[in-house]
Protein backbone atom coordinates (compact mmCIF):
# COMPACT_ATOMS: atom_id res chain seq x y z
CA UNK A 1 0.00 0.00 0.00
CA UNK A 2 1.16 3.55 -0.76
CA UNK A 3 0.00 7.04 0.08
CA UNK A 4 -1.38 9.57 -2.39
CA UNK A 5 -1.57 13.38 -2.34
CA UNK A 6 -5.06 14.72 -3.06
CA UNK A 7 -6.78 17.93 -4.17
CA UNK A 8 -6.03 20.15 -1.18
CA UNK A 9 -2.23 19.93 -1.62
CA UNK A 10 -0.66 23.31 -0.78
CA UNK A 11 2.81 22.43 -2.16
CA UNK A 12 4.71 23.81 0.83
CA UNK A 13 7.01 20.74 0.69
CA UNK A 14 6.81 19.91 4.39
CA UNK A 15 6.11 16.34 3.29
CA UNK A 16 9.26 16.31 1.16
CA UNK A 17 11.46 17.17 4.13
CA UNK A 18 10.18 14.25 6.25
CA UNK A 19 10.05 11.52 3.58
CA UNK A 20 12.80 8.96 4.36
CA UNK A 21 12.91 7.53 0.82
CA UNK A 22 12.68 10.71 -1.29
CA UNK A 23 9.53 9.54 -3.07
CA UNK A 24 7.73 12.92 -3.19
CA UNK A 25 8.41 15.19 -6.15
CA UNK A 26 9.04 17.75 -7.40
CA UNK A 27 11.18 18.90 -4.49
CA UNK A 28 12.11 22.55 -3.92
CA UNK A 29 15.49 21.81 -5.48
CA UNK A 30 13.96 20.64 -8.77
CA UNK A 31 13.08 22.93 -11.67
CA UNK A 32 9.44 21.86 -11.83
CA UNK A 33 8.71 22.86 -8.22
CA UNK A 34 7.83 26.46 -8.97
CA UNK A 35 5.27 25.56 -11.63
CA UNK A 36 3.74 22.33 -10.38
CA UNK A 37 0.02 22.15 -9.61
CA UNK A 38 0.62 19.79 -6.70
CA UNK A 39 3.19 17.36 -5.36
CA UNK A 40 3.09 13.64 -6.14
CA UNK A 41 4.07 10.44 -4.30
CA UNK A 42 5.75 7.68 -6.29
CA UNK A 43 3.75 4.52 -5.47
CA UNK A 44 6.69 2.29 -6.39
CA UNK A 45 9.02 3.94 -3.88
CA UNK A 46 6.61 4.74 -1.04
CA UNK A 47 7.23 2.55 2.03
CA UNK A 48 3.93 3.42 3.73
CA UNK A 49 5.53 5.04 6.77
CA UNK A 50 2.91 7.82 6.96
CA UNK A 51 5.43 10.54 7.87
CA UNK A 52 4.18 12.74 5.05
CA UNK A 53 0.54 12.44 6.14
CA UNK A 54 1.46 13.37 9.72
CA UNK A 55 3.39 16.43 8.55
CA UNK A 56 0.91 17.71 5.92
CA UNK A 57 -0.54 21.05 7.14
CA UNK A 58 -3.72 20.71 5.04
CA UNK A 59 -4.58 17.00 5.49
CA UNK A 60 -4.10 16.25 1.79
CA UNK A 61 -2.30 12.89 2.08
CA UNK A 62 -4.10 9.56 2.59
CA UNK A 63 -3.42 5.84 2.14
CA UNK A 64 -4.53 4.81 -1.34
CA UNK A 65 -6.82 2.10 0.04
CA UNK A 66 -8.74 4.72 2.04
CA UNK A 67 -9.51 6.96 -0.92
CA UNK A 68 -13.21 7.09 -1.73
CA UNK A 69 -15.40 8.62 -4.44
CA UNK A 70 -13.68 11.25 -6.52
CA UNK A 71 -10.51 11.00 -4.43
CA UNK A 72 -9.67 7.68 -6.06
CA UNK A 73 -8.58 9.61 -9.13
CA UNK A 74 -5.61 10.97 -7.20
CA UNK A 75 -4.06 7.51 -6.87
CA UNK A 76 -3.96 7.40 -10.65
CA UNK A 77 -2.68 10.99 -10.91
CA UNK A 78 0.18 10.31 -8.50
CA UNK A 79 1.23 7.19 -10.39
CA UNK A 80 0.82 8.79 -13.82
CA UNK A 81 3.14 11.63 -12.85
CA UNK A 82 6.07 9.20 -12.72
CA UNK A 83 5.21 7.47 -15.98
CA UNK A 84 6.29 10.51 -17.99
CA UNK A 85 9.98 10.96 -18.75
CA UNK A 86 9.51 14.69 -18.15
CA UNK A 87 8.67 14.04 -14.51
CA UNK A 88 11.32 11.57 -13.48
CA UNK A 89 13.01 12.59 -10.21
CA UNK A 90 16.18 14.53 -10.86
CA UNK A 91 17.93 12.77 -7.98
CA UNK A 92 17.54 8.99 -8.41
CA UNK A 93 16.46 7.07 -5.33
CA UNK A 94 19.24 4.95 -3.88
CA UNK A 95 18.19 2.14 -1.72
CA UNK A 96 16.83 -0.17 -1.11
CA UNK A 97 15.12 1.72 1.72
CA UNK A 98 16.68 4.99 2.79
CA UNK A 99 17.91 7.44 0.17
CA UNK A 100 21.21 9.30 0.32
CA UNK A 101 20.94 12.53 2.28
CA UNK A 102 22.91 15.60 1.33
CA UNK A 103 25.50 17.24 3.53
CA UNK A 104 24.00 19.08 6.54
CA UNK A 105 23.44 22.79 6.06
CA UNK A 106 23.39 25.39 8.83
CA UNK A 107 22.53 28.48 6.85
CA UNK A 108 20.19 29.72 9.59
CA UNK A 109 22.89 29.96 12.26
CA UNK A 110 24.18 33.38 13.31
CA UNK A 111 27.51 33.84 15.10
CA UNK A 112 27.23 32.81 18.80
CA UNK A 113 28.00 36.33 20.04
CA UNK A 114 25.27 37.86 17.86
CA UNK A 115 22.47 39.53 19.83
CA UNK A 116 18.79 38.92 19.02
CA UNK A 117 17.53 40.79 15.99
CA UNK A 118 14.39 42.90 16.16
CA UNK A 119 12.45 42.13 12.95
CA UNK A 120 9.08 43.53 11.89
CA UNK A 121 6.92 41.45 9.55
CA UNK A 122 4.17 43.44 7.82
CA UNK A 123 1.33 41.07 6.95
CA UNK A 124 0.12 37.94 8.74
CA UNK A 125 -0.88 35.90 5.70
CA UNK A 126 1.03 32.74 4.68
CA UNK A 127 4.08 34.60 3.29
CA UNK A 128 4.57 36.68 6.42
CA UNK A 129 3.93 33.77 8.78
CA UNK A 130 6.35 31.45 6.96
CA UNK A 131 9.00 34.15 7.36
CA UNK A 132 8.16 34.67 11.03
CA UNK A 133 8.22 30.92 11.65
CA UNK A 134 11.63 30.61 10.04
CA UNK A 135 13.03 33.39 12.21
CA UNK A 136 11.49 32.06 15.43
CA UNK A 137 12.55 28.45 14.90
CA UNK A 138 16.11 29.09 13.75
CA UNK A 139 17.20 32.32 15.43
CA UNK A 140 16.65 34.17 18.72
CA UNK A 141 14.98 37.04 16.82
CA UNK A 142 12.23 39.13 18.39
CA UNK A 143 9.44 39.48 15.84
CA UNK A 144 6.80 42.20 15.56
CA UNK A 145 3.84 40.98 13.50
CA UNK A 146 1.83 43.82 11.96
CA UNK A 147 -1.50 43.66 10.16
CA UNK A 148 -3.89 46.41 9.16
CA UNK A 149 -6.90 44.16 9.88
CA UNK A 150 -8.21 43.45 13.39
CA UNK A 151 -7.66 39.68 12.99
CA UNK A 152 -4.55 37.85 11.81
CA UNK A 153 -4.60 35.38 8.94
CA UNK A 154 -4.53 37.29 5.66
CA UNK A 155 -5.13 35.16 2.58
CA UNK A 156 -5.74 31.93 4.50
CA UNK A 157 -8.51 33.51 6.57
CA UNK A 158 -10.17 35.71 3.94
CA UNK A 159 -9.02 34.46 0.51
CA UNK A 160 -9.61 30.70 0.74
CA UNK A 161 -13.17 29.62 -0.05
CA UNK A 162 -15.04 28.67 3.14
CA UNK A 163 -15.98 25.26 1.71
CA UNK A 164 -12.26 24.37 1.57
CA UNK A 165 -11.70 23.79 5.30
CA UNK A 166 -8.66 21.57 4.73
CA UNK A 167 -6.87 24.38 2.89
CA UNK A 168 -7.79 26.80 5.66
CA UNK A 169 -6.10 24.43 8.13
CA UNK A 170 -2.80 25.81 6.88
CA UNK A 171 -3.53 28.74 9.18
CA UNK A 172 -3.64 26.43 12.19
CA UNK A 173 0.03 25.60 11.72
CA UNK A 174 0.83 29.30 12.19
CA UNK A 175 -1.43 29.89 15.21
CA UNK A 176 1.17 28.94 17.81
CA UNK A 177 3.52 31.63 16.50
CA UNK A 178 0.98 34.37 17.11
CA UNK A 179 1.38 33.77 20.86
CA UNK A 180 5.09 32.95 20.82
CA UNK A 181 6.97 34.60 23.73
CA UNK A 182 9.25 36.44 21.27
CA UNK A 183 6.35 37.79 19.20
CA UNK A 184 4.50 41.05 19.60
CA UNK A 185 1.25 41.24 17.63
CA UNK A 186 0.11 44.63 16.35
CA UNK A 187 -3.33 44.35 14.72
CA UNK A 188 -5.28 47.22 13.22
CA UNK A 189 -2.03 49.01 12.38
CA UNK A 190 -1.77 50.39 8.86
CA UNK A 191 1.63 50.76 7.22
CA UNK A 192 1.50 53.68 4.80
CA UNK A 193 -1.71 55.56 3.94
CA UNK A 194 -1.48 57.75 7.02
CA UNK A 195 -0.44 55.02 9.44
CA UNK A 196 3.06 53.84 10.35
CA UNK A 197 5.67 54.86 7.81
CA UNK A 198 8.43 52.70 6.36
CA UNK A 199 11.00 55.02 7.92
CA UNK A 200 9.41 54.68 11.36
CA UNK A 201 9.41 50.89 11.10
CA UNK A 202 13.05 50.89 10.03
CA UNK A 203 14.04 53.22 12.88
CA UNK A 204 12.75 50.73 15.47
CA UNK A 205 13.85 47.40 13.96
CA UNK A 206 17.01 45.82 12.61
CA UNK A 207 15.06 44.65 9.57
CA UNK A 208 11.55 44.87 8.13
CA UNK A 209 9.96 42.15 5.99
CA UNK A 210 7.01 43.27 3.86
CA UNK A 211 4.48 40.52 3.13
CA UNK A 212 1.65 42.72 1.90
CA UNK A 213 0.49 40.56 -0.99
CA UNK A 214 -1.17 41.72 -4.20
CA UNK A 215 -4.40 43.40 -3.08
CA UNK A 216 -5.49 44.98 -6.37
CA UNK A 217 -7.73 42.89 -8.65
CA UNK A 218 -6.83 43.28 -12.30
CA UNK A 219 -9.38 44.98 -14.51
CA UNK A 220 -10.97 43.76 -17.72
CA UNK A 221 -10.62 47.05 -19.59
CA UNK A 222 -14.06 46.78 -21.19
CA UNK A 223 -16.97 49.24 -21.13
CA UNK A 224 -19.38 48.85 -18.25
CA UNK A 225 -17.20 46.78 -15.93
CA UNK A 226 -17.85 49.22 -13.07
CA UNK A 227 -21.62 48.84 -13.21
CA UNK A 228 -23.31 47.74 -9.95
CA UNK A 229 -23.21 43.96 -9.88
CA UNK A 230 -19.80 43.75 -11.60
CA UNK A 231 -16.98 43.21 -9.08
CA UNK A 232 -13.84 41.18 -8.42
CA UNK A 233 -14.35 37.48 -7.69
CA UNK A 234 -11.89 37.79 -4.81
CA UNK A 235 -14.22 40.35 -3.24
CA UNK A 236 -17.05 37.83 -3.46
CA UNK A 237 -14.92 35.17 -1.74
CA UNK A 238 -13.92 37.73 0.90
CA UNK A 239 -17.63 38.51 1.45
CA UNK A 240 -18.25 34.81 2.02
CA UNK A 241 -15.44 34.83 4.60
CA UNK A 242 -16.71 37.89 6.47
CA UNK A 243 -13.86 40.22 5.49
CA UNK A 244 -14.28 43.48 7.43
CA UNK A 245 -13.67 45.57 4.29
CA UNK A 246 -16.67 44.03 2.46
CA UNK A 247 -20.11 45.12 3.62
CA UNK A 248 -22.53 42.34 4.62
CA UNK A 249 -25.04 43.59 2.03
CA UNK A 250 -22.48 43.90 -0.78
CA UNK A 251 -24.05 41.11 -2.92
CA UNK A 252 -27.70 40.68 -3.87
CA UNK A 253 -27.46 37.98 -6.63
CA UNK A 254 -30.73 39.04 -8.27
CA UNK A 255 -30.72 36.90 -11.44
CA UNK A 256 -30.62 33.18 -12.20
CA UNK A 257 -27.36 33.44 -14.19
CA UNK A 258 -23.94 34.85 -13.26
CA UNK A 259 -20.81 35.19 -15.38
CA UNK A 260 -17.30 34.68 -14.00
CA UNK A 261 -14.63 36.12 -16.28
CA UNK A 262 -11.43 34.07 -16.03
CA UNK A 263 -10.93 30.37 -15.38
CA UNK A 264 -8.33 30.10 -12.66
CA UNK A 265 -8.86 28.55 -9.23
CA UNK A 266 -10.43 31.73 -7.84
CA UNK A 267 -12.95 31.64 -10.70
CA UNK A 268 -13.82 28.03 -9.86
CA UNK A 269 -14.13 28.93 -6.17
CA UNK A 270 -16.60 31.71 -6.98
CA UNK A 271 -18.59 29.55 -9.41
CA UNK A 272 -18.76 26.67 -6.92
CA UNK A 273 -19.97 28.89 -4.08
CA UNK A 274 -22.61 30.52 -6.29
CA UNK A 275 -24.23 27.24 -7.34
CA UNK A 276 -23.70 25.15 -4.20
CA UNK A 277 -26.79 24.26 -2.22
CA UNK A 278 -26.63 26.62 0.79
CA UNK A 279 -27.50 23.66 3.02
CA UNK A 280 -24.13 22.09 2.15
CA UNK A 281 -22.35 25.28 3.26
CA UNK A 282 -24.07 25.33 6.65
CA UNK A 283 -21.27 23.51 8.46
CA UNK A 284 -18.44 25.53 6.92
CA UNK A 285 -16.92 28.75 8.33
CA UNK A 286 -18.93 30.85 5.85
CA UNK A 287 -20.09 34.21 7.20
CA UNK A 288 -23.71 34.19 8.35
CA UNK A 289 -24.62 37.17 6.17
CA UNK A 290 -23.16 35.42 3.11
CA UNK A 291 -25.04 32.21 3.80
CA UNK A 292 -28.26 34.18 4.15
CA UNK A 293 -27.46 36.09 0.94
CA UNK A 294 -26.85 32.88 -1.01
CA UNK A 295 -30.14 31.48 0.24
CA UNK A 296 -31.96 34.60 -0.95
CA UNK A 297 -30.03 34.71 -4.21
CA UNK A 298 -31.47 33.40 -7.45
CA UNK A 299 -28.30 32.12 -9.14
CA UNK A 300 -28.72 28.63 -10.62
CA UNK A 301 -26.24 28.84 -13.48
CA UNK A 302 -22.70 30.21 -13.69
CA UNK A 303 -20.86 30.77 -16.96
CA UNK A 304 -17.07 30.51 -16.60
CA UNK A 305 -15.56 32.56 -19.41
CA UNK A 306 -12.06 31.78 -20.70
CA UNK A 307 -10.22 33.71 -23.39
CA UNK A 308 -8.07 30.74 -24.38
CA UNK A 309 -8.85 27.09 -25.04
CA UNK A 310 -9.35 24.30 -22.47
CA UNK A 311 -5.74 23.18 -22.86
CA UNK A 312 -4.59 26.57 -21.57
CA UNK A 313 -7.09 27.10 -18.74
CA UNK A 314 -5.59 28.67 -15.64
CA UNK A 315 -7.25 26.39 -13.08
CA UNK A 316 -5.42 23.35 -11.75
CA UNK A 317 -6.54 19.82 -12.51
CA UNK A 318 -7.25 19.04 -8.83
CA UNK A 319 -9.68 21.96 -8.56
CA UNK A 320 -11.50 20.94 -11.74
CA UNK A 321 -11.67 17.31 -10.62
CA UNK A 322 -13.26 18.41 -7.34
CA UNK A 323 -15.82 20.45 -9.28
CA UNK A 324 -16.83 17.39 -11.28
CA UNK A 325 -17.92 15.69 -8.08
CA UNK A 326 -19.92 18.61 -6.69
CA UNK A 327 -23.25 17.23 -5.53
CA UNK A 328 -26.34 18.48 -7.36
CA UNK A 329 -24.38 20.51 -9.93
CA UNK A 330 -24.04 19.68 -13.63
CA UNK A 331 -21.03 20.68 -15.74
CA UNK A 332 -21.39 21.66 -19.36
CA UNK A 333 -18.94 22.81 -22.04
CA UNK A 334 -20.39 25.35 -24.49
CA UNK A 335 -19.60 23.80 -27.87
CA UNK A 336 -19.83 27.11 -29.73
CA UNK A 337 -16.46 26.61 -31.46
CA UNK A 338 -15.25 23.33 -33.05
CA UNK A 339 -11.76 24.07 -31.74
CA UNK A 340 -12.98 23.56 -28.16
CA UNK A 341 -14.12 19.98 -28.73
CA UNK A 342 -11.05 19.21 -30.81
CA UNK A 343 -8.75 20.36 -27.99
CA UNK A 344 -10.59 18.21 -25.46
CA UNK A 345 -10.79 15.08 -27.64
CA UNK A 346 -7.15 15.35 -28.67
CA UNK A 347 -5.76 15.90 -25.17
CA UNK A 348 -3.34 13.38 -23.69
CA UNK A 349 -4.34 11.83 -20.36
CA UNK A 350 -1.98 14.04 -18.39
CA UNK A 351 -3.19 17.24 -20.07
CA UNK A 352 -5.54 19.63 -18.34
CA UNK A 353 -8.12 19.49 -21.12
CA UNK A 354 -8.46 15.70 -20.73
CA UNK A 355 -10.35 16.19 -17.46
CA UNK A 356 -13.27 17.51 -19.54
CA UNK A 357 -13.54 14.48 -21.84
CA UNK A 358 -16.53 13.04 -20.01
CA UNK A 359 -18.25 16.42 -19.52
CA UNK A 360 -21.33 16.99 -21.71
CA UNK A 361 -20.88 19.41 -24.63
CA UNK A 362 -23.54 21.34 -26.48
CA UNK A 363 -23.95 24.70 -28.17
CA UNK A 364 -25.84 26.82 -25.66
CA UNK A 365 -28.70 29.04 -26.81
CA UNK A 366 -28.16 32.11 -24.65
CA UNK A 367 -31.50 33.61 -25.63
CA UNK A 368 -33.16 31.01 -23.41
CA UNK A 369 -33.38 31.39 -19.63
CA UNK A 370 -30.95 29.52 -17.38
CA UNK A 371 -31.73 25.81 -17.02
CA UNK A 372 -34.53 25.04 -14.58
CA UNK A 373 -34.20 22.49 -11.81
CA UNK A 374 -30.60 21.42 -11.27
CA UNK A 375 -27.83 23.94 -10.88
CA UNK A 376 -25.05 23.98 -13.45
CA UNK A 377 -21.70 25.49 -14.40
CA UNK A 378 -21.06 26.20 -18.09
CA UNK A 379 -17.49 26.48 -19.38
CA UNK A 380 -17.20 28.77 -22.40
CA UNK A 381 -13.68 28.74 -23.85
CA UNK A 382 -12.18 30.78 -26.69
CA UNK A 383 -14.31 33.72 -25.67
CA UNK A 384 -13.65 37.05 -24.01
CA UNK A 385 -15.85 39.83 -22.62
CA UNK A 386 -16.33 42.83 -24.86
CA UNK A 387 -18.79 44.82 -22.74
CA UNK A 388 -20.77 44.59 -19.51
CA UNK A 389 -24.24 45.82 -20.42
CA UNK A 390 -27.02 47.28 -18.32
CA UNK A 391 -28.51 50.48 -17.05
CA UNK A 392 -28.56 50.83 -13.26
CA UNK A 393 -27.06 47.36 -12.82
CA UNK A 394 -25.68 44.45 -14.84
CA UNK A 395 -28.07 42.99 -17.39
CA UNK A 396 -25.82 41.00 -19.73
CA UNK A 397 -22.26 40.45 -20.96
CA UNK A 398 -21.36 40.85 -24.62
CA UNK A 399 -18.75 38.24 -25.49
CA UNK A 400 -16.73 37.15 -28.48
CA UNK A 401 -17.03 33.78 -30.17
CA UNK A 402 -16.26 31.82 -33.32
CA UNK A 403 -19.51 32.99 -34.94
CA UNK A 404 -19.08 36.60 -33.85
CA UNK A 405 -20.33 38.34 -30.76
CA UNK A 406 -22.96 36.95 -28.40
CA UNK A 407 -24.90 38.44 -25.52
CA UNK A 408 -25.15 36.33 -22.35
CA UNK A 409 -27.90 37.57 -20.00
CA UNK A 410 -26.64 37.77 -16.39
CA UNK A 411 -27.30 39.73 -13.22
CA UNK A 412 -23.86 39.33 -11.69
CA UNK A 413 -20.38 39.53 -13.24
CA UNK A 414 -17.30 38.52 -11.28
CA UNK A 415 -13.86 39.17 -12.74
CA UNK A 416 -11.17 36.65 -11.82
CA UNK A 417 -8.28 37.66 -14.07
CA UNK A 418 -5.53 37.96 -11.50
CA UNK A 419 -4.13 40.40 -8.96
CA UNK A 420 -1.21 42.78 -8.69
CA UNK A 421 0.63 44.53 -5.93
CA UNK A 422 0.19 48.21 -5.13
CA UNK A 423 2.85 50.82 -4.26
CA UNK A 424 3.83 51.18 -0.61
CA UNK A 425 5.08 54.57 0.59
CA UNK A 426 8.83 54.50 1.11
CA UNK A 427 9.56 51.47 -1.09
CA UNK A 428 10.41 51.30 -4.80
CA UNK A 429 7.75 49.83 -7.06
CA UNK A 430 7.74 48.25 -10.52
CA UNK A 431 4.48 49.21 -12.24
CA UNK A 432 4.99 46.68 -15.03
CA UNK A 433 5.10 43.67 -12.69
CA UNK A 434 3.21 45.03 -9.68
CA UNK A 435 6.08 44.06 -7.38
CA UNK A 436 8.77 45.67 -5.26
CA UNK A 437 12.16 45.40 -7.04
CA UNK A 438 14.35 43.02 -5.07
CA UNK A 439 17.31 40.67 -5.18
CA UNK A 440 16.47 37.39 -3.43
CA UNK A 441 14.13 39.33 -1.17
CA UNK A 442 16.38 42.34 -0.53
CA UNK A 443 14.53 45.54 -1.50
CA UNK A 444 16.54 47.45 -4.07
CA UNK A 445 18.13 50.60 -2.64
CA UNK A 446 16.67 50.09 0.84
CA UNK A 447 19.10 48.28 3.22
CA UNK A 448 17.28 46.45 6.00
CA UNK A 449 14.03 46.13 4.00
CA UNK A 450 12.91 42.81 2.54
CA UNK A 451 9.91 41.40 0.69
CA UNK A 452 8.27 37.99 0.60
CA UNK A 453 5.27 36.48 -1.16
CA UNK A 454 3.27 38.05 -3.96
CA UNK A 455 4.71 41.54 -3.50
CA UNK A 456 8.12 39.93 -4.10
CA UNK A 457 7.44 37.58 -7.01
CA UNK A 458 3.98 38.48 -8.34
CA UNK A 459 0.61 36.86 -7.70
CA UNK A 460 0.76 33.11 -8.22
CA UNK A 461 -1.19 30.11 -7.01
CA UNK A 462 -0.20 27.93 -4.08
CA UNK A 463 -0.07 28.86 -0.43
CA UNK A 464 2.88 26.55 0.09
CA UNK A 465 5.05 28.33 -2.49
CA UNK A 466 5.49 31.02 0.14
CA UNK A 467 7.48 28.65 2.33
CA UNK A 468 10.35 28.38 -0.14
CA UNK A 469 10.01 32.08 -0.93
CA UNK A 470 10.28 32.97 2.77
CA UNK A 471 13.29 30.69 3.23
CA UNK A 472 15.13 32.63 0.55
CA UNK A 473 14.22 36.04 1.98
CA UNK A 474 15.10 35.13 5.56
CA UNK A 475 18.36 33.66 4.32
CA UNK A 476 19.22 36.98 2.69
CA UNK A 477 18.32 38.84 5.88
CA UNK A 478 20.51 36.63 8.08
CA UNK A 479 23.38 36.84 5.61
CA UNK A 480 23.17 40.63 5.75
CA UNK A 481 23.02 40.55 9.55
CA UNK A 482 26.08 38.32 9.86
CA UNK A 483 27.96 40.51 7.37
CA UNK A 484 27.14 43.73 9.21
CA UNK A 485 25.04 45.18 6.40
CA UNK A 486 21.92 45.95 8.47
CA UNK A 487 21.41 49.56 9.57
CA UNK A 488 21.33 49.94 13.34
CA UNK A 489 17.90 50.94 14.71
CA UNK A 490 17.72 54.26 16.55
CA UNK A 491 14.49 53.62 18.46
CA UNK A 492 13.81 51.08 21.21
CA UNK A 493 11.19 48.35 21.36
CA UNK A 494 9.38 50.31 24.06
CA UNK A 495 9.21 53.49 21.97
CA UNK A 496 7.82 51.47 19.07
CA UNK A 497 5.06 50.07 21.26
CA UNK A 498 4.08 53.59 22.27
CA UNK A 499 4.10 54.71 18.64
CA UNK A 500 2.03 51.68 17.55
CA UNK A 501 -0.61 52.45 20.17
CA UNK A 502 -0.93 56.01 18.87
CA UNK A 503 -1.10 54.99 15.20
CA UNK A 504 -3.28 51.89 15.55
CA UNK A 505 -6.97 51.88 14.79
């Protein structure tokens, strides 16, 4: 018997570090790690020790014999990964049982006479907490955690769909660090925008790590996208999670059809929440106002609009597989363009488009009302929005297609076409990438300032990718500390606490 990694994999590679036989790939040292949808266990090498399952922060790893329903597909996915020459492990397993370990590395050790660093981490989402955890576990640093919101958690708390409780469990692994004896937690404290300045943070700390994410949803650039009823999909997910910046009455959902522009994982999250039976969401951490709003709402059909073909969709295969097994919801591919069906039928088993081979296809007549009875999600590929139409609110979306333009009636439009970072007072900013210019986490031209997460590398999927990202940034910080390149703070920890109390909300 072997273990298999399933849909909720966060790719933070904790499982890789505890596997005694090196049977989980790609590892952080392999080229494919940064682009993989999930990690995979080689069933031929797995010795069934269960160390990976014990270490997994999101409960994504199970014995193959215990997989049920749609999860059984992940046993096949894990095995299929190793059947391709492109995905053979770069470091061959040596055996027969325990693989060769590399030489020990102590790159987190400061000189013994080095005093404890005072480090501020701005942002308590996964990127910031991975950095804080690294500092607390490997150094005697004193860490100040800062967040503009009144509750810690960032993306894990407010950006993960409430019906993904396993993914949200990643936040539980950080909870113990919020009350660590060397941590001071400053909530409701804005950095920039009239709050604490970058210079003030630097004056009271040896180093400052900015983990402020990519808060700005990208725009469509089409007429009418600012009409009432047309908003970012991430705002809808935040509403479902009770984000304090989103009003409880922000969504009315007045029509039986909604359109989600984009087909990444956030788009699938929004579509799934819109068509799920509210009774199935009752036991999740969904906000009470959102649950009541979904019950009042009329949405029964969601159109997921993708500019490119099914072979280039932005969602991951695990998320689409989970959608196929959503109770009471039908999936349909709009067969408006012969190229869509050709891409699906011609896809190899390991290709993303192959997941849709058993999904019904038909050319949808958008002049008809949304399907009665069962709820459904319609994938429309090779199509892009040209205009959001309506008067006082959204009435329809004009879209492109093989036969010209088509109007899809809808009362709600959610855009899920990515995010970008925003400028932070006192730090350089690259408008073209939406990131802070940096070298391995070191902010360009600002000694003692560092970045981690999306503001460092751009918005990308995968909570666990922040772990490797944080390791690099903290490594740069400690290297600078040991080399004497950190500016000495001029203010004390006590004076910072007084300043934080004055500036906090």
